């Protein structure tokens, strides 16, 4: 491997390692935002459930009453509440799954069903950090190796072939 190719592979591998090392930190930021969203939506769900109980209804029956109402505003509120409660259930399930996952697996678990709004909001305020945790170091090494191997394989066809002198 020539010096230019070696330098290219090394620099890109370091960049890959730096990027990879951020995965655990980003998943932690996502988890924190997800937890905040779940807490807020839990409060909305609890208030709705209390209102339903005050009318002698369970959640589904109260939603059905709103959705089947003659009043268009009430129907729209029923639809939006159903959407909100579905989102709450989905985000709560994802939060439990991320909480249960080992930190090194969280970046992969986060990608199973990420919430686009929470991903976007986490990315908007995300600030890279130097990883000093075991998952950060492991993901950094993974990124270094993956990008290093990729760049090496990509540049392999362009390597110089050395001529072997034949001695008689």
N, C-alpha and C. Protein backbone atom coordinates (compact mmCIF):
# COMPACT_ATOMS: atom_id res chain seq x y z
N UNK A 1 0.86 -1.17 0.00
CA UNK A 1 0.00 0.00 0.00
C UNK A 1 0.91 1.22 0.00
N UNK A 2 0.68 2.09 -0.98
CA UNK A 2 1.48 3.31 -1.08
C UNK A 2 1.14 4.29 0.01
N UNK A 3 2.02 5.27 0.25
CA UNK A 3 1.78 6.23 1.33
C UNK A 3 0.51 7.06 1.14
N UNK A 4 0.20 7.45 -0.09
CA UNK A 4 -1.02 8.26 -0.32
C UNK A 4 -2.27 7.44 -0.02
N UNK A 5 -2.27 6.21 -0.50
CA UNK A 5 -3.43 5.34 -0.25
C UNK A 5 -3.56 5.03 1.23
N UNK A 6 -2.44 4.75 1.88
CA UNK A 6 -2.45 4.47 3.31
C UNK A 6 -3.00 5.67 4.08
N UNK A 7 -2.56 6.87 3.73
CA UNK A 7 -3.02 8.08 4.40
C UNK A 7 -4.52 8.28 4.19
N UNK A 8 -4.99 8.05 2.95
CA UNK A 8 -6.42 8.17 2.67
C UNK A 8 -7.23 7.19 3.49
N UNK A 9 -6.80 5.94 3.51
CA UNK A 9 -7.51 4.92 4.28
C UNK A 9 -7.51 5.28 5.76
N UNK A 10 -6.38 5.70 6.26
CA UNK A 10 -6.27 6.05 7.68
C UNK A 10 -7.16 7.23 8.04
N UNK A 11 -7.13 8.29 7.25
CA UNK A 11 -7.94 9.47 7.56
C UNK A 11 -9.43 9.16 7.49
N UNK A 12 -9.84 8.44 6.47
CA UNK A 12 -11.25 8.10 6.37
C UNK A 12 -11.67 7.12 7.46
N UNK A 13 -10.78 6.22 7.85
CA UNK A 13 -11.09 5.29 8.94
C UNK A 13 -11.26 6.05 10.26
N UNK A 14 -10.40 7.04 10.48
CA UNK A 14 -10.53 7.86 11.70
C UNK A 14 -11.85 8.64 11.67
N UNK A 15 -12.20 9.19 10.50
CA UNK A 15 -13.48 9.89 10.38
C UNK A 15 -14.64 8.94 10.64
N UNK A 16 -14.56 7.73 10.11
CA UNK A 16 -15.60 6.73 10.35
C UNK A 16 -15.69 6.37 11.83
N UNK A 17 -14.55 6.25 12.47
CA UNK A 17 -14.54 5.95 13.90
C UNK A 17 -15.13 7.06 14.72
N UNK A 18 -14.82 8.28 14.35
CA UNK A 18 -15.38 9.44 15.05
C UNK A 18 -16.90 9.47 14.89
N UNK A 19 -17.35 9.26 13.66
CA UNK A 19 -18.80 9.25 13.42
C UNK A 19 -19.46 8.08 14.15
N UNK A 20 -18.88 6.91 14.06
CA UNK A 20 -19.46 5.73 14.72
C UNK A 20 -19.53 5.89 16.22
N UNK A 21 -18.55 6.55 16.79
CA UNK A 21 -18.51 6.70 18.25
C UNK A 21 -19.65 7.57 18.76
N UNK A 22 -20.28 8.32 17.88
CA UNK A 22 -21.37 9.20 18.30
C UNK A 22 -22.71 8.47 18.41
N UNK A 23 -22.81 7.27 17.85
CA UNK A 23 -24.08 6.54 17.84
C UNK A 23 -24.65 6.32 19.25
N UNK A 24 -23.86 5.85 20.22
CA UNK A 24 -24.44 5.67 21.56
C UNK A 24 -24.90 6.99 22.20
N UNK A 25 -24.14 8.06 21.97
CA UNK A 25 -24.52 9.35 22.55
C UNK A 25 -25.81 9.87 21.91
N UNK A 26 -25.92 9.73 20.59
CA UNK A 26 -27.13 10.19 19.93
C UNK A 26 -28.33 9.36 20.39
N UNK A 27 -28.14 8.04 20.53
CA UNK A 27 -29.26 7.22 20.99
C UNK A 27 -29.66 7.59 22.42
N UNK A 28 -28.69 8.02 23.23
CA UNK A 28 -29.00 8.48 24.59
C UNK A 28 -29.82 9.76 24.54
N UNK A 29 -29.44 10.69 23.65
CA UNK A 29 -30.21 11.93 23.49
C UNK A 29 -31.63 11.63 23.00
N UNK A 30 -31.72 10.69 22.06
CA UNK A 30 -33.03 10.28 21.54
C UNK A 30 -33.87 9.68 22.68
N UNK A 31 -33.25 8.83 23.49
CA UNK A 31 -33.95 8.20 24.60
C UNK A 31 -34.48 9.25 25.58
N UNK A 32 -33.68 10.26 25.87
CA UNK A 32 -34.13 11.31 26.78
C UNK A 32 -35.31 12.09 26.21
N UNK A 33 -35.24 12.43 24.93
CA UNK A 33 -36.36 13.14 24.29
C UNK A 33 -37.59 12.25 24.23
N UNK A 34 -37.37 10.98 23.93
CA UNK A 34 -38.47 10.02 23.88
C UNK A 34 -39.15 9.93 25.25
N UNK A 35 -38.34 9.88 26.30
CA UNK A 35 -38.90 9.83 27.65
C UNK A 35 -39.73 11.05 27.97
N UNK A 36 -39.28 12.23 27.54
CA UNK A 36 -40.05 13.45 27.75
C UNK A 36 -41.37 13.42 27.01
N UNK A 37 -41.34 12.93 25.76
CA UNK A 37 -42.58 12.84 24.97
C UNK A 37 -43.56 11.86 25.61
N UNK A 38 -43.04 10.74 26.08
CA UNK A 38 -43.90 9.74 26.72
C UNK A 38 -44.53 10.32 27.98
N UNK A 39 -43.76 11.05 28.77
CA UNK A 39 -44.31 11.65 30.00
C UNK A 39 -45.44 12.63 29.68
N UNK A 40 -45.24 13.47 28.68
CA UNK A 40 -46.27 14.44 28.31
C UNK A 40 -47.52 13.74 27.77
N UNK A 41 -47.33 12.76 26.92
CA UNK A 41 -48.48 12.05 26.35
C UNK A 41 -49.19 11.20 27.40
N UNK A 42 -48.44 10.68 28.37
CA UNK A 42 -49.07 9.92 29.46
C UNK A 42 -50.05 10.81 30.21
N UNK A 43 -49.65 12.05 30.44
CA UNK A 43 -50.54 12.99 31.15
C UNK A 43 -51.81 13.24 30.35
N UNK A 44 -51.67 13.41 29.04
CA UNK A 44 -52.85 13.61 28.18
C UNK A 44 -53.76 12.39 28.25
N UNK A 45 -53.17 11.19 28.17
CA UNK A 45 -53.95 9.95 28.22
C UNK A 45 -54.65 9.80 29.56
N UNK A 46 -53.97 10.14 30.64
CA UNK A 46 -54.57 10.01 31.97
C UNK A 46 -55.75 10.96 32.13
N UNK A 47 -55.61 12.18 31.63
CA UNK A 47 -56.71 13.15 31.73
C UNK A 47 -57.90 12.66 30.91
N UNK A 48 -57.63 12.15 29.70
CA UNK A 48 -58.71 11.63 28.87
C UNK A 48 -59.40 10.46 29.57
N UNK A 49 -58.60 9.55 30.15
CA UNK A 49 -59.17 8.39 30.84
C UNK A 49 -60.02 8.83 32.05
N UNK A 50 -59.55 9.86 32.77
CA UNK A 50 -60.34 10.38 33.90
C UNK A 50 -61.67 10.96 33.42
N UNK A 51 -61.63 11.71 32.32
CA UNK A 51 -62.87 12.26 31.76
C UNK A 51 -63.81 11.14 31.33
N UNK A 52 -63.27 10.10 30.73
CA UNK A 52 -64.09 8.97 30.29
C UNK A 52 -64.72 8.28 31.50
N UNK A 53 -63.92 8.05 32.54
CA UNK A 53 -64.45 7.40 33.76
C UNK A 53 -65.54 8.24 34.41
N UNK A 54 -65.38 9.56 34.37
CA UNK A 54 -66.41 10.44 34.94
C UNK A 54 -67.74 10.28 34.21
N UNK A 55 -67.69 9.84 32.97
CA UNK A 55 -68.90 9.58 32.18
C UNK A 55 -69.29 8.11 32.22
N UNK A 56 -68.55 7.32 33.03
CA UNK A 56 -68.84 5.90 33.15
C UNK A 56 -68.38 5.09 31.94
N UNK A 57 -67.34 5.58 31.27
CA UNK A 57 -66.85 4.92 30.06
C UNK A 57 -65.39 4.50 30.18
N UNK A 58 -65.04 3.48 29.42
CA UNK A 58 -63.64 3.12 29.24
C UNK A 58 -63.09 3.94 28.07
N UNK A 59 -61.79 3.93 27.88
CA UNK A 59 -61.14 4.73 26.84
C UNK A 59 -61.75 4.49 25.46
N UNK A 60 -61.84 3.22 25.05
CA UNK A 60 -62.33 2.91 23.70
C UNK A 60 -63.77 3.39 23.49
N UNK A 61 -64.60 3.20 24.50
CA UNK A 61 -66.00 3.64 24.38
C UNK A 61 -66.08 5.16 24.28
N UNK A 62 -65.25 5.85 25.04
CA UNK A 62 -65.24 7.32 24.98
C UNK A 62 -64.76 7.79 23.61
N UNK A 63 -63.72 7.16 23.08
CA UNK A 63 -63.25 7.52 21.74
C UNK A 63 -64.33 7.27 20.69
N UNK A 64 -64.99 6.12 20.79
CA UNK A 64 -66.07 5.81 19.84
C UNK A 64 -67.18 6.85 19.90
N UNK A 65 -67.51 7.27 21.10
CA UNK A 65 -68.57 8.28 21.24
C UNK A 65 -68.16 9.57 20.53
N UNK A 66 -66.91 9.98 20.73
CA UNK A 66 -66.44 11.21 20.08
C UNK A 66 -66.40 11.06 18.56
N UNK A 67 -65.86 9.95 18.09
CA UNK A 67 -65.69 9.73 16.65
C UNK A 67 -67.03 9.60 15.93
N UNK A 68 -68.03 9.06 16.62
CA UNK A 68 -69.35 8.86 16.00
C UNK A 68 -70.33 10.02 16.26
N UNK A 69 -69.83 11.07 16.85
CA UNK A 69 -70.68 12.21 17.18
C UNK A 69 -71.24 12.85 15.90
N UNK A 70 -72.40 13.49 16.05
CA UNK A 70 -73.00 14.24 14.95
C UNK A 70 -72.24 15.54 14.71
N UNK A 71 -71.61 16.05 15.73
CA UNK A 71 -70.89 17.32 15.66
C UNK A 71 -69.52 17.11 15.00
N UNK A 72 -69.21 17.87 13.94
CA UNK A 72 -67.96 17.67 13.20
C UNK A 72 -66.73 18.01 14.05
N UNK A 73 -66.81 19.02 14.89
CA UNK A 73 -65.69 19.37 15.76
C UNK A 73 -65.41 18.23 16.74
N UNK A 74 -66.45 17.69 17.31
CA UNK A 74 -66.29 16.58 18.26
C UNK A 74 -65.69 15.37 17.56
N UNK A 75 -66.13 15.09 16.32
CA UNK A 75 -65.55 13.97 15.56
C UNK A 75 -64.05 14.19 15.31
N UNK A 76 -63.71 15.43 14.91
CA UNK A 76 -62.29 15.73 14.67
C UNK A 76 -61.48 15.59 15.95
N UNK A 77 -62.02 16.03 17.07
CA UNK A 77 -61.32 15.89 18.36
C UNK A 77 -61.18 14.41 18.72
N UNK A 78 -62.19 13.62 18.41
CA UNK A 78 -62.09 12.19 18.65
C UNK A 78 -61.01 11.55 17.81
N UNK A 79 -60.94 11.93 16.53
CA UNK A 79 -59.87 11.41 15.65
C UNK A 79 -58.49 11.82 16.15
N UNK A 80 -58.36 13.09 16.52
CA UNK A 80 -57.04 13.55 16.98
C UNK A 80 -56.66 12.91 18.31
N UNK A 81 -57.63 12.67 19.18
CA UNK A 81 -57.33 12.00 20.45
C UNK A 81 -56.93 10.55 20.20
N UNK A 82 -57.60 9.89 19.26
CA UNK A 82 -57.23 8.51 18.93
C UNK A 82 -55.80 8.46 18.39
N UNK A 83 -55.45 9.42 17.54
CA UNK A 83 -54.08 9.50 17.01
C UNK A 83 -53.08 9.75 18.13
N UNK A 84 -53.42 10.65 19.03
CA UNK A 84 -52.54 10.97 20.16
C UNK A 84 -52.33 9.76 21.06
N UNK A 85 -53.41 9.05 21.36
CA UNK A 85 -53.30 7.86 22.22
C UNK A 85 -52.52 6.74 21.54
N UNK A 86 -52.69 6.57 20.23
CA UNK A 86 -51.90 5.59 19.49
C UNK A 86 -50.41 5.96 19.54
N UNK A 87 -50.12 7.23 19.35
CA UNK A 87 -48.72 7.68 19.39
C UNK A 87 -48.14 7.44 20.78
N UNK A 88 -48.92 7.73 21.79
CA UNK A 88 -48.46 7.48 23.16
C UNK A 88 -48.11 6.01 23.36
N UNK A 89 -48.99 5.11 22.94
CA UNK A 89 -48.75 3.67 23.11
C UNK A 89 -47.50 3.24 22.35
N UNK A 90 -47.33 3.73 21.11
CA UNK A 90 -46.16 3.37 20.31
C UNK A 90 -44.87 3.90 20.92
N UNK A 91 -44.88 5.16 21.34
CA UNK A 91 -43.67 5.74 21.93
C UNK A 91 -43.35 5.10 23.28
N UNK A 92 -44.37 4.78 24.06
CA UNK A 92 -44.13 4.12 25.35
C UNK A 92 -43.51 2.74 25.14
N UNK A 93 -43.98 2.01 24.14
CA UNK A 93 -43.41 0.69 23.85
C UNK A 93 -41.96 0.82 23.39
N UNK A 94 -41.69 1.82 22.55
CA UNK A 94 -40.31 2.02 22.09
C UNK A 94 -39.42 2.44 23.27
N UNK A 95 -39.92 3.26 24.15
CA UNK A 95 -39.14 3.70 25.31
C UNK A 95 -38.78 2.50 26.19
N UNK A 96 -39.76 1.63 26.42
CA UNK A 96 -39.49 0.43 27.23
C UNK A 96 -38.43 -0.45 26.57
N UNK A 97 -38.53 -0.60 25.24
CA UNK A 97 -37.56 -1.43 24.51
C UNK A 97 -36.16 -0.82 24.58
N UNK A 98 -36.06 0.49 24.43
CA UNK A 98 -34.74 1.14 24.51
C UNK A 98 -34.17 1.09 25.91
N UNK A 99 -35.03 1.28 26.90
CA UNK A 99 -34.57 1.20 28.29
C UNK A 99 -34.04 -0.19 28.63
N UNK A 100 -34.70 -1.20 28.09
CA UNK A 100 -34.30 -2.58 28.38
C UNK A 100 -33.05 -3.00 27.62
N UNK A 101 -32.77 -2.34 26.49
CA UNK A 101 -31.61 -2.71 25.67
C UNK A 101 -30.32 -2.29 26.35
N UNK A 102 -29.29 -3.10 26.18
CA UNK A 102 -27.96 -2.71 26.68
C UNK A 102 -27.50 -1.48 25.91
N UNK A 103 -26.75 -0.59 26.54
CA UNK A 103 -26.34 0.66 25.88
C UNK A 103 -25.63 0.43 24.54
N UNK A 104 -24.88 -0.62 24.41
CA UNK A 104 -24.17 -0.86 23.15
C UNK A 104 -25.12 -1.22 22.01
N UNK A 105 -26.31 -1.75 22.35
CA UNK A 105 -27.30 -2.15 21.35
C UNK A 105 -28.31 -1.04 21.06
N UNK A 106 -28.39 -0.04 21.92
CA UNK A 106 -29.41 1.01 21.76
C UNK A 106 -29.42 1.70 20.39
N UNK A 107 -28.24 2.00 19.81
CA UNK A 107 -28.31 2.64 18.48
C UNK A 107 -29.04 1.78 17.44
N UNK A 108 -28.88 0.48 17.52
CA UNK A 108 -29.56 -0.42 16.58
C UNK A 108 -31.05 -0.50 16.95
N UNK A 109 -31.34 -0.63 18.22
CA UNK A 109 -32.73 -0.71 18.69
C UNK A 109 -33.49 0.57 18.34
N UNK A 110 -32.81 1.71 18.44
CA UNK A 110 -33.43 2.99 18.13
C UNK A 110 -33.92 3.02 16.68
N UNK A 111 -33.22 2.35 15.80
CA UNK A 111 -33.56 2.38 14.38
C UNK A 111 -34.69 1.44 13.99
N UNK A 112 -35.17 0.61 14.91
CA UNK A 112 -36.27 -0.29 14.56
C UNK A 112 -37.54 0.46 14.18
N UNK A 113 -37.95 1.41 15.00
CA UNK A 113 -39.15 2.20 14.72
C UNK A 113 -38.94 3.62 15.23
N UNK A 114 -38.00 4.34 14.65
CA UNK A 114 -37.74 5.69 15.18
C UNK A 114 -38.89 6.64 14.89
N UNK A 115 -39.12 7.54 15.80
CA UNK A 115 -40.13 8.56 15.61
C UNK A 115 -39.47 9.72 14.86
N UNK A 116 -39.92 10.04 13.65
CA UNK A 116 -39.26 11.07 12.85
C UNK A 116 -39.17 12.43 13.55
N UNK A 117 -40.22 12.80 14.26
CA UNK A 117 -40.21 14.10 14.94
C UNK A 117 -39.14 14.13 16.04
N UNK A 118 -39.06 13.06 16.82
CA UNK A 118 -38.09 13.04 17.92
C UNK A 118 -36.67 12.94 17.37
N UNK A 119 -36.47 12.16 16.31
CA UNK A 119 -35.14 12.08 15.67
C UNK A 119 -34.71 13.48 15.21
N UNK A 120 -35.61 14.17 14.52
CA UNK A 120 -35.30 15.51 13.99
C UNK A 120 -34.98 16.47 15.13
N UNK A 121 -35.78 16.45 16.18
CA UNK A 121 -35.55 17.36 17.30
C UNK A 121 -34.26 17.04 18.04
N UNK A 122 -33.96 15.76 18.19
CA UNK A 122 -32.71 15.37 18.84
C UNK A 122 -31.52 15.80 17.99
N UNK A 123 -31.64 15.64 16.68
CA UNK A 123 -30.54 16.01 15.78
C UNK A 123 -30.31 17.52 15.79
N UNK A 124 -31.38 18.30 15.89
CA UNK A 124 -31.26 19.76 15.87
C UNK A 124 -30.44 20.29 17.04
N UNK A 125 -30.49 19.63 18.18
CA UNK A 125 -29.75 20.13 19.35
C UNK A 125 -28.53 19.28 19.69
N UNK A 126 -28.30 18.23 18.91
CA UNK A 126 -27.21 17.30 19.22
C UNK A 126 -25.85 17.98 19.07
N UNK A 127 -24.99 17.75 20.04
CA UNK A 127 -23.62 18.22 19.99
C UNK A 127 -22.70 17.02 20.18
N UNK A 128 -21.83 16.75 19.21
CA UNK A 128 -20.93 15.60 19.34
C UNK A 128 -20.08 15.72 20.60
N UNK A 129 -19.74 14.57 21.14
CA UNK A 129 -18.94 14.53 22.35
C UNK A 129 -17.87 13.44 22.21
N UNK A 130 -16.81 13.58 22.96
CA UNK A 130 -15.77 12.57 22.96
C UNK A 130 -16.29 11.38 23.77
N UNK A 131 -16.33 10.21 23.15
CA UNK A 131 -16.89 9.05 23.86
C UNK A 131 -15.89 8.46 24.85
N UNK A 132 -16.31 8.33 26.07
CA UNK A 132 -15.46 7.68 27.07
C UNK A 132 -16.16 6.48 27.69
N UNK A 133 -17.30 6.13 27.12
CA UNK A 133 -18.02 4.96 27.61
C UNK A 133 -17.61 3.75 26.77
N UNK A 134 -17.82 2.57 27.31
CA UNK A 134 -17.51 1.36 26.55
C UNK A 134 -18.29 1.29 25.24
N UNK A 135 -19.60 1.59 25.24
CA UNK A 135 -20.31 1.57 23.96
C UNK A 135 -19.76 2.59 22.96
N UNK A 136 -19.39 3.78 23.43
CA UNK A 136 -18.84 4.80 22.53
C UNK A 136 -17.54 4.34 21.90
N UNK A 137 -16.69 3.74 22.70
CA UNK A 137 -15.41 3.24 22.19
C UNK A 137 -15.65 2.08 21.23
N UNK A 138 -16.55 1.17 21.59
CA UNK A 138 -16.84 0.03 20.72
C UNK A 138 -17.40 0.49 19.37
N UNK A 139 -18.34 1.44 19.40
CA UNK A 139 -18.91 1.93 18.14
C UNK A 139 -17.87 2.71 17.35
N UNK A 140 -16.98 3.39 18.03
CA UNK A 140 -15.88 4.09 17.35
C UNK A 140 -14.97 3.12 16.62
N UNK A 141 -14.62 2.04 17.29
CA UNK A 141 -13.78 1.02 16.65
C UNK A 141 -14.51 0.36 15.49
N UNK A 142 -15.79 0.12 15.67
CA UNK A 142 -16.60 -0.47 14.60
C UNK A 142 -16.61 0.46 13.37
N UNK A 143 -16.82 1.75 13.61
CA UNK A 143 -16.82 2.71 12.51
C UNK A 143 -15.46 2.81 11.83
N UNK A 144 -14.39 2.80 12.63
CA UNK A 144 -13.05 2.85 12.08
C UNK A 144 -12.79 1.64 11.18
N UNK A 145 -13.10 0.48 11.69
CA UNK A 145 -12.87 -0.74 10.91
C UNK A 145 -13.73 -0.81 9.66
N UNK A 146 -14.99 -0.46 9.80
CA UNK A 146 -15.90 -0.54 8.64
C UNK A 146 -15.48 0.40 7.53
N UNK A 147 -15.21 1.65 7.87
CA UNK A 147 -14.82 2.62 6.85
C UNK A 147 -13.42 2.29 6.31
N UNK A 148 -12.53 1.88 7.19
CA UNK A 148 -11.17 1.51 6.74
C UNK A 148 -11.21 0.37 5.73
N UNK A 149 -11.97 -0.66 6.02
CA UNK A 149 -12.09 -1.80 5.10
C UNK A 149 -12.78 -1.37 3.81
N UNK A 150 -13.82 -0.56 3.93
CA UNK A 150 -14.54 -0.09 2.74
C UNK A 150 -13.62 0.70 1.81
N UNK A 151 -12.88 1.66 2.37
CA UNK A 151 -12.00 2.49 1.54
C UNK A 151 -10.87 1.65 0.97
N UNK A 152 -10.32 0.76 1.77
CA UNK A 152 -9.25 -0.11 1.27
C UNK A 152 -9.77 -0.94 0.09
N UNK A 153 -10.96 -1.52 0.23
CA UNK A 153 -11.53 -2.33 -0.85
C UNK A 153 -11.84 -1.48 -2.08
N UNK A 154 -12.29 -0.26 -1.85
CA UNK A 154 -12.62 0.63 -2.96
C UNK A 154 -11.37 1.04 -3.73
N UNK A 155 -10.27 1.23 -3.03
CA UNK A 155 -9.03 1.66 -3.69
C UNK A 155 -8.16 0.50 -4.13
N UNK A 156 -8.53 -0.71 -3.78
CA UNK A 156 -7.72 -1.90 -4.10
C UNK A 156 -7.43 -2.02 -5.60
N UNK A 157 -8.41 -1.82 -6.47
CA UNK A 157 -8.13 -1.97 -7.90
C UNK A 157 -7.11 -0.95 -8.44
N UNK A 158 -6.91 0.13 -7.71
CA UNK A 158 -6.02 1.19 -8.19
C UNK A 158 -4.61 1.11 -7.59
N UNK A 159 -4.33 0.05 -6.89
CA UNK A 159 -3.01 -0.07 -6.26
C UNK A 159 -1.95 -0.27 -7.33
N UNK A 160 -0.76 0.12 -6.99
CA UNK A 160 0.37 -0.12 -7.90
C UNK A 160 0.84 -1.54 -7.73
N UNK A 161 1.10 -2.14 -8.82
CA UNK A 161 1.65 -3.50 -8.75
C UNK A 161 3.16 -3.39 -8.80
N UNK A 162 3.77 -4.07 -7.90
CA UNK A 162 5.23 -4.08 -7.85
C UNK A 162 5.75 -5.17 -8.76
N UNK A 163 6.76 -4.82 -9.47
CA UNK A 163 7.38 -5.82 -10.32
C UNK A 163 8.41 -6.58 -9.52
N UNK A 164 8.32 -7.83 -9.64
CA UNK A 164 9.27 -8.69 -8.94
C UNK A 164 10.42 -8.97 -9.91
N UNK A 165 11.59 -8.61 -9.48
CA UNK A 165 12.76 -8.85 -10.35
C UNK A 165 13.09 -10.33 -10.31
N UNK A 166 13.28 -10.84 -11.46
CA UNK A 166 13.63 -12.27 -11.58
C UNK A 166 15.13 -12.38 -11.65
N UNK A 167 15.69 -13.09 -10.75
CA UNK A 167 17.14 -13.29 -10.73
C UNK A 167 17.45 -14.62 -11.39
N UNK A 168 18.47 -14.61 -12.14
CA UNK A 168 18.85 -15.87 -12.76
C UNK A 168 19.96 -16.55 -12.01
